[in-house]
Amino acid sequence: LLRHAKVDFEDVRIKYEEWPAMKEKFSLKQVPVLECCGKQYPQTDAIMHMLSLKHGYLPLDPEKMYKVTFLTGTVKDLFEGFVKFYYSKLPEEKKKKMEEEYFDKTIPVIFGIIEKRLLENSSKEYLVGTQYTMADFFLLGAAKWLIVSPDQGKKYEKALTAAPTLMAYLKTCLLYTSPSPRDQRGSRMPSSA
């Protein structure tokens, strides 16, 4: 979002081994945190809402704002389903069953919802309206971590074949966005903030 808005910022990454010593500096003892003008702003959703409003990525029209918020919540469902099995400490057999259910049932429903919203939009280049919104950045951030991941990407691609408009949207957006410093493989995926 900040890159797209052409805002100068420093993207500070904390190394895993440095985190225990730095954790106490943050009010919620977690990241991400936006630091601006001597203040700390924690919580991803709150940061995204503030920056989206500040830089024109959150529509003020109530119906468009609803659509943006609906889609960001849907993208969060995508992440939450993934986290349940991927980071679970359950036995492998149980994790495998959760993973199968996620890819066979959850993902097609979520991609179908996003596909429907995209088809209903006046422009197939954006999720809501005729310019990027917070919803686009949430989805592109999810695509960065989930869809192009080397170990999971093919499973998402299979589900995307049933959502051709969404697949075209992602390919177009991912092709024309600046690379994220997180990406070591050199793809053109943006990070969400």
C-alpha atoms as a PDB file:
ATOM      1  CA  LEU A   1       0.000   0.000   0.000  1.00  0.00           C
ATOM      2  CA  LEU A   2       2.729   2.471   0.939  1.00  0.00           C
ATOM      3  CA  ARG A   3       4.761   1.550  -2.131  1.00  0.00           C
ATOM      4  CA  HIS A   4       1.731   2.007  -4.361  1.00  0.00           C
ATOM      5  CA  ALA A   5       0.996   5.363  -2.689  1.00  0.00           C
ATOM      6  CA  LYS A   6       4.663   6.322  -3.317  1.00  0.00           C
ATOM      7  CA  VAL A   7       5.259   7.022   0.368  1.00  0.00           C
ATOM      8  CA  ASP A   8       8.864   6.925   1.579  1.00  0.00           C
ATOM      9  CA  PHE A   9       9.191   4.535   4.506  1.00  0.00           C
ATOM     10  CA  GLU A  10      11.692   2.229   6.122  1.00  0.00           C
ATOM     11  CA  ASP A  11      10.703  -1.440   6.160  1.00  0.00           C
ATOM     12  CA  VAL A  12      12.476  -2.736   9.275  1.00  0.00           C
ATOM     13  CA  ARG A  13      12.697  -6.504   9.590  1.00  0.00           C
ATOM     14  CA  ILE A  14      13.509  -8.094  12.925  1.00  0.00           C
ATOM     15  CA  LYS A  15      15.575 -11.247  12.824  1.00  0.00           C
ATOM     16  CA  TYR A  16      14.182 -14.184  14.743  1.00  0.00           C
ATOM     17  CA  GLU A  17      17.129 -14.284  17.124  1.00  0.00           C
ATOM     18  CA  GLU A  18      16.780 -10.522  17.861  1.00  0.00           C
ATOM     19  CA  TRP A  19      13.063 -10.695  18.669  1.00  0.00           C
ATOM     20  CA  PRO A  20      13.215 -11.735  22.363  1.00  0.00           C
ATOM     21  CA  ALA A  21      15.334  -8.691  23.238  1.00  0.00           C
ATOM     22  CA  MET A  22      13.124  -6.308  21.222  1.00  0.00           C
ATOM     23  CA  LYS A  23       9.704  -7.693  22.157  1.00  0.00           C
ATOM     24  CA  GLU A  24       9.299  -5.502  25.234  1.00  0.00           C
ATOM     25  CA  LYS A  25       9.593  -2.341  23.122  1.00  0.00           C
ATOM     26  CA  PHE A  26       6.201  -3.046  21.559  1.00  0.00           C
ATOM     27  CA  SER A  27       2.937  -2.423  23.415  1.00  0.00           C
ATOM     28  CA  LEU A  28       1.288  -5.681  22.303  1.00  0.00           C
ATOM     29  CA  LYS A  29       4.563  -7.633  22.302  1.00  0.00           C
ATOM     30  CA  GLN A  30       4.007  -8.491  18.645  1.00  0.00           C
ATOM     31  CA  VAL A  31       4.544  -7.169  15.135  1.00  0.00           C
ATOM     32  CA  PRO A  32       3.697  -5.613  12.768  1.00  0.00           C
ATOM     33  CA  VAL A  33       3.919  -2.141  14.223  1.00  0.00           C
ATOM     34  CA  LEU A  34       3.863   1.072  12.260  1.00  0.00           C
ATOM     35  CA  GLU A  35       6.046   3.748  13.818  1.00  0.00           C
ATOM     36  CA  CYS A  36       5.259   7.280  12.737  1.00  0.00           C
ATOM     37  CA  CYS A  37       5.981  10.661  14.324  1.00  0.00           C
ATOM     38  CA  GLY A  38       7.219   9.024  17.522  1.00  0.00           C
ATOM     39  CA  LYS A  39       4.095   6.880  17.954  1.00  0.00           C
ATOM     40  CA  GLN A  40       3.596   3.136  17.638  1.00  0.00           C
ATOM     41  CA  TYR A  41       0.542   1.775  15.837  1.00  0.00           C
ATOM     42  CA  PRO A  42       0.128  -2.001  16.325  1.00  0.00           C
ATOM     43  CA  GLN A  43      -2.374  -4.459  14.765  1.00  0.00           C
ATOM     44  CA  THR A  44      -2.389  -5.216  11.056  1.00  0.00           C
ATOM     45  CA  ASP A  45      -6.061  -4.410  10.438  1.00  0.00           C
ATOM     46  CA  ALA A  46      -5.923  -1.106  12.296  1.00  0.00           C
ATOM     47  CA  ILE A  47      -2.733  -0.117  10.459  1.00  0.00           C
ATOM     48  CA  MET A  48      -4.258  -1.023   7.095  1.00  0.00           C
ATOM     49  CA  HIS A  49      -7.448   0.922   7.837  1.00  0.00           C
ATOM     50  CA  MET A  50      -5.526   4.017   8.936  1.00  0.00           C
ATOM     51  CA  LEU A  51      -3.143   3.967   5.962  1.00  0.00           C
ATOM     52  CA  SER A  52      -5.939   3.165   3.504  1.00  0.00           C
ATOM     53  CA  LEU A  53      -8.008   6.087   4.732  1.00  0.00           C
ATOM     54  CA  LYS A  54      -4.998   8.421   4.751  1.00  0.00           C
ATOM     55  CA  HIS A  55      -3.893   7.500   1.205  1.00  0.00           C
ATOM     56  CA  GLY A  56      -7.274   7.160  -0.498  1.00  0.00           C
ATOM     57  CA  TYR A  57      -7.626   3.356  -0.531  1.00  0.00           C
ATOM     58  CA  LEU A  58     -10.699   3.213   1.684  1.00  0.00           C
ATOM     59  CA  PRO A  59     -13.857   4.522   0.019  1.00  0.00           C
ATOM     60  CA  LEU A  60     -16.059   6.858   2.019  1.00  0.00           C
ATOM     61  CA  ASP A  61     -19.222   5.678   0.251  1.00  0.00           C
ATOM     62  CA  PRO A  62     -20.937   3.324   2.765  1.00  0.00           C
ATOM     63  CA  GLU A  63     -21.762   0.579   0.239  1.00  0.00           C
ATOM     64  CA  LYS A  64     -18.264   0.568  -1.278  1.00  0.00           C
ATOM     65  CA  MET A  65     -16.763   0.608   2.229  1.00  0.00           C
ATOM     66  CA  TYR A  66     -18.920  -2.412   3.096  1.00  0.00           C
ATOM     67  CA  LYS A  67     -17.660  -4.247   0.001  1.00  0.00           C
ATOM     68  CA  VAL A  68     -14.045  -3.475   0.901  1.00  0.00           C
ATOM     69  CA  THR A  69     -14.532  -4.588   4.506  1.00  0.00           C
ATOM     70  CA  PHE A  70     -16.425  -7.708   3.396  1.00  0.00           C
ATOM     71  CA  LEU A  71     -13.592  -8.700   1.067  1.00  0.00           C
ATOM     72  CA  THR A  72     -10.857  -8.034   3.640  1.00  0.00           C
ATOM     73  CA  GLY A  73     -12.764 -10.258   6.089  1.00  0.00           C
ATOM     74  CA  THR A  74     -13.059 -12.946   3.419  1.00  0.00           C
ATOM     75  CA  VAL A  75      -9.311 -12.796   2.780  1.00  0.00           C
ATOM     76  CA  LYS A  76      -8.713 -13.119   6.529  1.00  0.00           C
ATOM     77  CA  ASP A  77     -10.852 -16.288   6.459  1.00  0.00           C
ATOM     78  CA  LEU A  78      -8.437 -17.590   3.822  1.00  0.00           C
ATOM     79  CA  PHE A  79      -5.506 -17.030   6.206  1.00  0.00           C
ATOM     80  CA  GLU A  80      -7.251 -18.355   9.297  1.00  0.00           C
ATOM     81  CA  GLY A  81      -8.131 -21.619   7.577  1.00  0.00           C
ATOM     82  CA  PHE A  82      -4.536 -22.039   6.462  1.00  0.00           C
ATOM     83  CA  VAL A  83      -3.073 -21.270   9.896  1.00  0.00           C
ATOM     84  CA  LYS A  84      -5.336 -23.833  11.594  1.00  0.00           C
ATOM     85  CA  PHE A  85      -3.616 -26.759   9.926  1.00  0.00           C
ATOM     86  CA  TYR A  86      -0.248 -25.378   8.844  1.00  0.00           C
ATOM     87  CA  TYR A  87       0.934 -24.289  12.288  1.00  0.00           C
ATOM     88  CA  SER A  88      -1.040 -26.876  14.241  1.00  0.00           C
ATOM     89  CA  LYS A  89       0.681 -29.116  16.751  1.00  0.00           C
ATOM     90  CA  LEU A  90      -1.910 -31.824  16.126  1.00  0.00           C
ATOM     91  CA  PRO A  91      -0.805 -35.271  14.953  1.00  0.00           C
ATOM     92  CA  GLU A  92       0.176 -35.368  11.274  1.00  0.00           C
ATOM     93  CA  GLU A  93      -2.852 -37.466  10.312  1.00  0.00           C
ATOM     94  CA  LYS A  94      -5.239 -34.878  11.790  1.00  0.00           C
ATOM     95  CA  LYS A  95      -3.321 -31.999  10.176  1.00  0.00           C
ATOM     96  CA  LYS A  96      -3.476 -33.738   6.806  1.00  0.00           C
ATOM     97  CA  LYS A  97      -7.251 -34.141   7.110  1.00  0.00           C
ATOM     98  CA  MET A  98      -7.631 -30.439   8.021  1.00  0.00           C
ATOM     99  CA  GLU A  99      -5.451 -29.481   5.050  1.00  0.00           C
ATOM    100  CA  GLU A 100      -7.533 -31.587   2.651  1.00  0.00           C
ATOM    101  CA  GLU A 101     -10.753 -30.022   3.934  1.00  0.00           C
ATOM    102  CA  TYR A 102      -9.257 -26.542   3.583  1.00  0.00           C
ATOM    103  CA  PHE A 103      -8.243 -27.070  -0.050  1.00  0.00           C
ATOM    104  CA  ASP A 104     -11.263 -29.176  -1.067  1.00  0.00           C
ATOM    105  CA  LYS A 105     -14.025 -27.205   0.681  1.00  0.00           C
ATOM    106  CA  THR A 106     -12.923 -23.880   2.163  1.00  0.00           C
ATOM    107  CA  ILE A 107     -10.785 -22.504  -0.669  1.00  0.00           C
ATOM    108  CA  PRO A 108     -13.322 -23.115  -3.459  1.00  0.00           C
ATOM    109  CA  VAL A 109     -15.988 -21.309  -1.425  1.00  0.00           C
ATOM    110  CA  ILE A 110     -13.722 -18.336  -0.639  1.00  0.00           C
ATOM    111  CA  PHE A 111     -12.426 -18.060  -4.210  1.00  0.00           C
ATOM    112  CA  GLY A 112     -16.021 -18.339  -5.439  1.00  0.00           C
ATOM    113  CA  ILE A 113     -17.085 -15.432  -3.207  1.00  0.00           C
ATOM    114  CA  ILE A 114     -14.209 -13.248  -4.402  1.00  0.00           C
ATOM    115  CA  GLU A 115     -14.871 -14.258  -8.031  1.00  0.00           C
ATOM    116  CA  LYS A 116     -18.537 -13.275  -7.680  1.00  0.00           C
ATOM    117  CA  ARG A 117     -17.642  -9.866  -6.204  1.00  0.00           C
ATOM    118  CA  LEU A 118     -15.101  -9.282  -8.955  1.00  0.00           C
ATOM    119  CA  LEU A 119     -17.672 -10.147 -11.653  1.00  0.00           C
ATOM    120  CA  GLU A 120     -20.193  -7.781 -10.048  1.00  0.00           C
ATOM    121  CA  ASN A 121     -17.697  -4.914  -9.994  1.00  0.00           C
ATOM    122  CA  SER A 122     -17.739  -2.351 -12.805  1.00  0.00           C
ATOM    123  CA  SER A 123     -14.035  -3.044 -13.465  1.00  0.00           C
ATOM    124  CA  LYS A 124     -12.434  -6.488 -13.455  1.00  0.00           C
ATOM    125  CA  GLU A 125      -9.081  -4.840 -12.698  1.00  0.00           C
ATOM    126  CA  TYR A 126     -10.045  -3.954  -9.112  1.00  0.00           C
ATOM    127  CA  LEU A 127     -12.045  -5.673  -6.411  1.00  0.00           C
ATOM    128  CA  VAL A 128     -14.190  -2.619  -5.599  1.00  0.00           C
ATOM    129  CA  GLY A 129     -14.787   0.376  -7.855  1.00  0.00           C
ATOM    130  CA  THR A 130     -12.262   1.624 -10.378  1.00  0.00           C
ATOM    131  CA  GLN A 131      -9.100   1.963  -8.316  1.00  0.00           C
ATOM    132  CA  TYR A 132      -7.102  -0.029  -5.783  1.00  0.00           C
ATOM    133  CA  THR A 133      -8.627  -0.292  -2.330  1.00  0.00           C
ATOM    134  CA  MET A 134      -7.573  -1.873   0.915  1.00  0.00           C
ATOM    135  CA  ALA A 135      -9.290  -5.071  -0.293  1.00  0.00           C
ATOM    136  CA  ASP A 136      -6.881  -5.363  -3.222  1.00  0.00           C
ATOM    137  CA  PHE A 137      -3.891  -5.010  -0.907  1.00  0.00           C
ATOM    138  CA  PHE A 138      -5.260  -7.610   1.517  1.00  0.00           C
ATOM    139  CA  LEU A 139      -5.798 -10.083  -1.316  1.00  0.00           C
ATOM    140  CA  LEU A 140      -2.428  -9.408  -2.918  1.00  0.00           C
ATOM    141  CA  GLY A 141      -0.743  -9.820   0.460  1.00  0.00           C
ATOM    142  CA  ALA A 142      -2.499 -13.164   0.877  1.00  0.00           C
ATOM    143  CA  ALA A 143      -1.453 -14.182  -2.617  1.00  0.00           C
ATOM    144  CA  LYS A 144       2.131 -13.380  -1.715  1.00  0.00           C
ATOM    145  CA  TRP A 145       2.167 -15.683   1.279  1.00  0.00           C
ATOM    146  CA  LEU A 146      -0.221 -18.404   0.245  1.00  0.00           C
ATOM    147  CA  ILE A 147      -0.735 -18.755  -3.467  1.00  0.00           C
ATOM    148  CA  VAL A 148       2.857 -18.424  -4.651  1.00  0.00           C
ATOM    149  CA  SER A 149       4.411 -20.366  -1.774  1.00  0.00           C
ATOM    150  CA  PRO A 150       6.527 -23.189  -3.157  1.00  0.00           C
ATOM    151  CA  ASP A 151       4.942 -25.865  -0.944  1.00  0.00           C
ATOM    152  CA  GLN A 152       1.283 -24.781  -1.240  1.00  0.00           C
ATOM    153  CA  GLY A 153       0.992 -22.803  -4.494  1.00  0.00           C
ATOM    154  CA  LYS A 154      -0.091 -25.663  -6.756  1.00  0.00           C
ATOM    155  CA  LYS A 155      -2.982 -26.509  -4.452  1.00  0.00           C
ATOM    156  CA  TYR A 156      -4.306 -22.948  -4.714  1.00  0.00           C
ATOM    157  CA  GLU A 157      -3.829 -22.925  -8.493  1.00  0.00           C
ATOM    158  CA  LYS A 158      -6.132 -25.927  -8.779  1.00  0.00           C
ATOM    159  CA  ALA A 159      -8.896 -24.042  -6.954  1.00  0.00           C
ATOM    160  CA  LEU A 160      -8.268 -20.913  -9.040  1.00  0.00           C
ATOM    161  CA  THR A 161      -9.151 -22.757 -12.248  1.00  0.00           C
ATOM    162  CA  ALA A 162     -12.800 -22.567 -11.122  1.00  0.00           C
ATOM    163  CA  ALA A 163     -12.445 -18.793 -10.687  1.00  0.00           C
ATOM    164  CA  PRO A 164     -11.016 -17.589 -14.032  1.00  0.00           C
ATOM    165  CA  THR A 165     -11.762 -13.887 -13.463  1.00  0.00           C
ATOM    166  CA  LEU A 166      -9.994 -14.004 -10.101  1.00  0.00           C
ATOM    167  CA  MET A 167      -7.066 -15.855 -11.679  1.00  0.00           C
ATOM    168  CA  ALA A 168      -6.771 -13.208 -14.419  1.00  0.00           C
ATOM    169  CA  TYR A 169      -7.020 -10.419 -11.829  1.00  0.00           C
ATOM    170  CA  LEU A 170      -4.229 -11.941  -9.726  1.00  0.00           C
ATOM    171  CA  LYS A 171      -1.972 -12.530 -12.717  1.00  0.00           C
ATOM    172  CA  THR A 172      -2.452  -8.961 -13.929  1.00  0.00           C
ATOM    173  CA  CYS A 173      -1.959  -7.387 -10.494  1.00  0.00           C
ATOM    174  CA  LEU A 174       1.024  -9.532  -9.667  1.00  0.00           C
ATOM    175  CA  LEU A 175       2.675  -8.808 -12.986  1.00  0.00           C
ATOM    176  CA  TYR A 176       2.420  -5.024 -12.639  1.00  0.00           C
ATOM    177  CA  THR A 177       3.217  -4.499  -8.978  1.00  0.00           C
ATOM    178  CA  SER A 178       6.621  -3.780  -7.548  1.00  0.00           C
ATOM    179  CA  PRO A 179       8.590  -6.627  -5.989  1.00  0.00           C
ATOM    180  CA  SER A 180       8.468  -7.066  -2.256  1.00  0.00           C
ATOM    181  CA  PRO A 181      11.726  -7.172  -0.312  1.00  0.00           C
ATOM    182  CA  ARG A 182      10.298 -10.293   1.347  1.00  0.00           C
ATOM    183  CA  ASP A 183      10.453 -12.189  -1.919  1.00  0.00           C
ATOM    184  CA  GLN A 184      13.740 -13.967  -2.390  1.00  0.00           C
ATOM    185  CA  ARG A 185      12.651 -15.669  -5.628  1.00  0.00           C
ATOM    186  CA  GLY A 186      12.278 -12.432  -7.584  1.00  0.00           C
ATOM    187  CA  SER A 187       8.561 -12.680  -8.421  1.00  0.00           C
ATOM    188  CA  ARG A 188       6.619  -9.434  -8.756  1.00  0.00           C
ATOM    189  CA  MET A 189       4.363  -9.924  -5.735  1.00  0.00           C
ATOM    190  CA  PRO A 190       3.788  -6.977  -3.397  1.00  0.00           C
ATOM    191  CA  SER A 191       3.582  -7.172   0.325  1.00  0.00           C
ATOM    192  CA  SER A 192       0.288  -5.867   1.679  1.00  0.00           C
ATOM    193  CA  ALA A 193       1.605  -2.751   3.401  1.00  0.00           C
END
